[in-house]
Amino acid sequence: MIATTHGIGRNWLSSVLARVLRGHVACSVDLGAILESDFNGALSQKLLAVVDEAHEGMDGASRWKHGKTLRRILRKTWR
């Protein structure tokens, strides 16, 4: 779930899902570190990954650094 406004209950929802799906949720995932590394063991066999904040760089070259990588991974996963 991606939202541009604060206070709509995303954190509450993720905490409920983490309890319901105990053992199958990766909480507080550092998205930047996962996308820059070849090792994704923290996400192995998980049904849900909770990323608290995802920020992209504001300057030219690094502005969309992780966006393309994330799209590639998600497209490969959902096929």
N, C-alpha and C. Protein backbone atom coordinates (compact mmCIF):
# COMPACT_ATOMS: atom_id res chain seq x y z
N MET A 1 0.85 -1.16 0.00
CA MET A 1 0.00 0.00 0.00
C MET A 1 0.90 1.23 0.00
N ILE A 2 0.72 2.08 -0.94
CA ILE A 2 1.47 3.33 -1.02
C ILE A 2 0.49 4.46 -0.86
N ALA A 3 0.79 5.37 0.06
CA ALA A 3 -0.11 6.50 0.28
C ALA A 3 0.70 7.78 0.41
N THR A 4 0.12 8.87 -0.01
CA THR A 4 0.80 10.16 0.07
C THR A 4 0.38 10.95 1.29
N THR A 5 -0.62 10.49 2.02
CA THR A 5 -1.07 11.20 3.22
C THR A 5 -0.70 10.41 4.46
N HIS A 6 -0.60 11.13 5.57
CA HIS A 6 -0.27 10.52 6.85
C HIS A 6 -1.54 10.28 7.66
N GLY A 7 -1.48 9.31 8.57
CA GLY A 7 -2.57 9.10 9.50
C GLY A 7 -3.74 8.28 8.97
N ILE A 8 -3.50 7.40 7.99
CA ILE A 8 -4.60 6.60 7.45
C ILE A 8 -4.59 5.16 7.96
N GLY A 9 -3.63 4.82 8.84
CA GLY A 9 -3.65 3.51 9.48
C GLY A 9 -2.75 2.46 8.85
N ARG A 10 -1.80 2.84 8.03
CA ARG A 10 -0.90 1.85 7.42
C ARG A 10 -0.08 1.11 8.46
N ASN A 11 0.44 1.83 9.44
CA ASN A 11 1.26 1.20 10.48
C ASN A 11 0.43 0.24 11.31
N TRP A 12 -0.79 0.61 11.64
CA TRP A 12 -1.69 -0.27 12.40
C TRP A 12 -1.98 -1.54 11.59
N LEU A 13 -2.28 -1.37 10.30
CA LEU A 13 -2.58 -2.51 9.45
C LEU A 13 -1.38 -3.44 9.34
N SER A 14 -0.20 -2.88 9.18
CA SER A 14 0.99 -3.74 9.08
C SER A 14 1.26 -4.48 10.38
N SER A 15 0.98 -3.85 11.53
CA SER A 15 1.20 -4.55 12.80
C SER A 15 0.18 -5.68 13.00
N VAL A 16 -1.05 -5.47 12.57
CA VAL A 16 -2.07 -6.53 12.65
C VAL A 16 -1.68 -7.70 11.74
N LEU A 17 -1.29 -7.39 10.50
CA LEU A 17 -0.90 -8.45 9.57
C LEU A 17 0.35 -9.19 10.04
N ALA A 18 1.28 -8.48 10.68
CA ALA A 18 2.49 -9.12 11.21
C ALA A 18 2.13 -10.12 12.30
N ARG A 19 1.11 -9.81 13.09
CA ARG A 19 0.69 -10.74 14.14
C ARG A 19 -0.09 -11.93 13.57
N VAL A 20 -0.95 -11.65 12.61
CA VAL A 20 -1.76 -12.71 12.00
C VAL A 20 -0.88 -13.67 11.19
N LEU A 21 0.08 -13.12 10.48
CA LEU A 21 0.96 -13.92 9.62
C LEU A 21 2.32 -14.13 10.28
N ARG A 22 2.34 -14.29 11.57
CA ARG A 22 3.59 -14.42 12.34
C ARG A 22 4.54 -15.43 11.69
N GLY A 23 5.77 -14.98 11.46
CA GLY A 23 6.78 -15.83 10.85
C GLY A 23 6.84 -15.70 9.33
N HIS A 24 5.86 -15.04 8.75
CA HIS A 24 5.80 -14.90 7.30
C HIS A 24 5.87 -13.44 6.86
N VAL A 25 6.28 -12.55 7.79
CA VAL A 25 6.35 -11.12 7.50
C VAL A 25 7.75 -10.60 7.80
N ALA A 26 8.29 -9.83 6.88
CA ALA A 26 9.56 -9.14 7.09
C ALA A 26 9.23 -7.70 7.48
N CYS A 27 9.40 -7.37 8.76
CA CYS A 27 9.07 -6.03 9.25
C CYS A 27 10.27 -5.11 9.17
N SER A 28 10.00 -3.83 8.99
CA SER A 28 11.03 -2.78 8.96
C SER A 28 12.14 -3.09 7.96
N VAL A 29 11.76 -3.41 6.74
CA VAL A 29 12.73 -3.73 5.69
C VAL A 29 13.38 -2.45 5.19
N ASP A 30 14.70 -2.47 5.08
CA ASP A 30 15.44 -1.35 4.49
C ASP A 30 15.48 -1.59 2.99
N LEU A 31 14.58 -0.97 2.27
CA LEU A 31 14.41 -1.21 0.85
C LEU A 31 15.68 -0.90 0.05
N GLY A 32 16.33 0.19 0.38
CA GLY A 32 17.56 0.56 -0.32
C GLY A 32 18.64 -0.49 -0.19
N ALA A 33 18.83 -1.03 1.01
CA ALA A 33 19.85 -2.05 1.23
C ALA A 33 19.51 -3.34 0.50
N ILE A 34 18.24 -3.72 0.48
CA ILE A 34 17.82 -4.94 -0.21
C ILE A 34 18.06 -4.80 -1.71
N LEU A 35 17.74 -3.65 -2.27
CA LEU A 35 17.87 -3.46 -3.71
C LEU A 35 19.32 -3.31 -4.16
N GLU A 36 20.21 -2.86 -3.28
CA GLU A 36 21.61 -2.71 -3.64
C GLU A 36 22.40 -4.00 -3.44
N SER A 37 21.87 -4.94 -2.71
CA SER A 37 22.57 -6.18 -2.41
C SER A 37 22.05 -7.33 -3.26
N ASP A 38 22.89 -8.31 -3.49
CA ASP A 38 22.46 -9.52 -4.19
C ASP A 38 21.80 -10.51 -3.22
N PHE A 39 21.97 -10.29 -1.92
CA PHE A 39 21.44 -11.20 -0.91
C PHE A 39 20.10 -10.68 -0.41
N ASN A 40 19.07 -11.48 -0.52
CA ASN A 40 17.75 -11.08 -0.03
C ASN A 40 17.17 -12.12 0.92
N GLY A 41 18.03 -12.68 1.76
CA GLY A 41 17.60 -13.70 2.72
C GLY A 41 16.54 -13.22 3.69
N ALA A 42 16.54 -11.92 3.99
CA ALA A 42 15.53 -11.38 4.91
C ALA A 42 14.13 -11.50 4.34
N LEU A 43 14.02 -11.60 3.01
CA LEU A 43 12.72 -11.71 2.36
C LEU A 43 12.38 -13.13 1.94
N SER A 44 13.27 -14.06 2.20
CA SER A 44 13.06 -15.44 1.78
C SER A 44 11.82 -16.04 2.43
N GLN A 45 10.94 -16.57 1.62
CA GLN A 45 9.71 -17.25 2.02
C GLN A 45 8.76 -16.35 2.84
N LYS A 46 8.82 -15.05 2.61
CA LYS A 46 7.92 -14.11 3.29
C LYS A 46 6.76 -13.78 2.38
N LEU A 47 5.59 -13.61 2.97
CA LEU A 47 4.40 -13.23 2.22
C LEU A 47 4.22 -11.72 2.17
N LEU A 48 4.79 -11.02 3.15
CA LEU A 48 4.60 -9.58 3.27
C LEU A 48 5.90 -8.94 3.72
N ALA A 49 6.26 -7.83 3.10
CA ALA A 49 7.41 -7.04 3.52
C ALA A 49 6.91 -5.64 3.86
N VAL A 50 7.27 -5.16 5.04
CA VAL A 50 6.84 -3.85 5.50
C VAL A 50 8.03 -2.89 5.40
N VAL A 51 7.91 -1.89 4.52
CA VAL A 51 8.93 -0.86 4.36
C VAL A 51 8.38 0.40 4.99
N ASP A 52 9.02 0.85 6.07
CA ASP A 52 8.50 2.02 6.78
C ASP A 52 8.57 3.27 5.94
N GLU A 53 9.71 3.55 5.33
CA GLU A 53 9.87 4.73 4.49
C GLU A 53 10.73 4.35 3.29
N ALA A 54 10.38 4.85 2.13
CA ALA A 54 11.17 4.64 0.93
C ALA A 54 11.43 6.00 0.31
N HIS A 55 12.67 6.42 0.33
CA HIS A 55 13.04 7.72 -0.22
C HIS A 55 14.00 7.53 -1.37
N GLU A 56 13.78 8.25 -2.41
CA GLU A 56 14.69 8.28 -3.56
C GLU A 56 15.48 9.57 -3.49
N GLY A 57 16.65 9.56 -4.12
CA GLY A 57 17.49 10.75 -4.15
C GLY A 57 16.80 11.90 -4.88
N MET A 58 17.18 13.10 -4.58
CA MET A 58 16.56 14.27 -5.19
C MET A 58 17.37 14.83 -6.35
N ASP A 59 18.62 14.38 -6.50
CA ASP A 59 19.42 14.90 -7.60
C ASP A 59 19.26 14.03 -8.84
N GLY A 60 19.76 14.48 -9.95
CA GLY A 60 19.52 13.88 -11.26
C GLY A 60 19.74 12.38 -11.38
N ALA A 61 20.98 11.92 -11.27
CA ALA A 61 21.31 10.52 -11.57
C ALA A 61 20.71 9.54 -10.57
N SER A 62 20.69 9.90 -9.30
CA SER A 62 20.22 8.95 -8.28
C SER A 62 18.74 9.12 -7.97
N ARG A 63 18.06 9.96 -8.70
CA ARG A 63 16.67 10.26 -8.37
C ARG A 63 15.78 9.02 -8.42
N TRP A 64 15.95 8.21 -9.44
CA TRP A 64 15.12 7.00 -9.59
C TRP A 64 15.97 5.75 -9.48
N LYS A 65 17.01 5.79 -8.68
CA LYS A 65 18.00 4.72 -8.59
C LYS A 65 17.37 3.36 -8.30
N HIS A 66 16.47 3.29 -7.33
CA HIS A 66 15.91 2.01 -6.93
C HIS A 66 14.58 1.71 -7.60
N GLY A 67 13.95 2.68 -8.20
CA GLY A 67 12.64 2.47 -8.81
C GLY A 67 12.66 1.43 -9.91
N LYS A 68 13.65 1.51 -10.80
CA LYS A 68 13.74 0.56 -11.90
C LYS A 68 14.03 -0.85 -11.40
N THR A 69 14.91 -0.95 -10.41
CA THR A 69 15.24 -2.25 -9.83
C THR A 69 14.02 -2.87 -9.16
N LEU A 70 13.26 -2.09 -8.42
CA LEU A 70 12.07 -2.60 -7.74
C LEU A 70 11.02 -3.06 -8.75
N ARG A 71 10.80 -2.29 -9.81
CA ARG A 71 9.84 -2.70 -10.84
C ARG A 71 10.26 -4.02 -11.49
N ARG A 72 11.56 -4.17 -11.76
CA ARG A 72 12.05 -5.40 -12.39
C ARG A 72 11.80 -6.60 -11.48
N ILE A 73 12.09 -6.45 -10.19
CA ILE A 73 11.89 -7.55 -9.24
C ILE A 73 10.42 -7.90 -9.10
N LEU A 74 9.56 -6.90 -9.00
CA LEU A 74 8.14 -7.17 -8.83
C LEU A 74 7.53 -7.81 -10.06
N ARG A 75 7.94 -7.37 -11.23
CA ARG A 75 7.40 -7.98 -12.45
C ARG A 75 7.82 -9.44 -12.56
N LYS A 76 9.06 -9.74 -12.19
CA LYS A 76 9.55 -11.11 -12.26
C LYS A 76 8.82 -11.99 -11.23
N THR A 77 8.54 -11.43 -10.05
CA THR A 77 7.88 -12.17 -8.98
C THR A 77 6.43 -12.48 -9.31
N TRP A 78 5.72 -11.54 -9.93
CA TRP A 78 4.28 -11.70 -10.18
C TRP A 78 3.95 -12.48 -11.43
N ARG A 79 4.93 -12.87 -12.20
CA ARG A 79 4.64 -13.61 -13.43
C ARG A 79 4.48 -15.07 -13.16
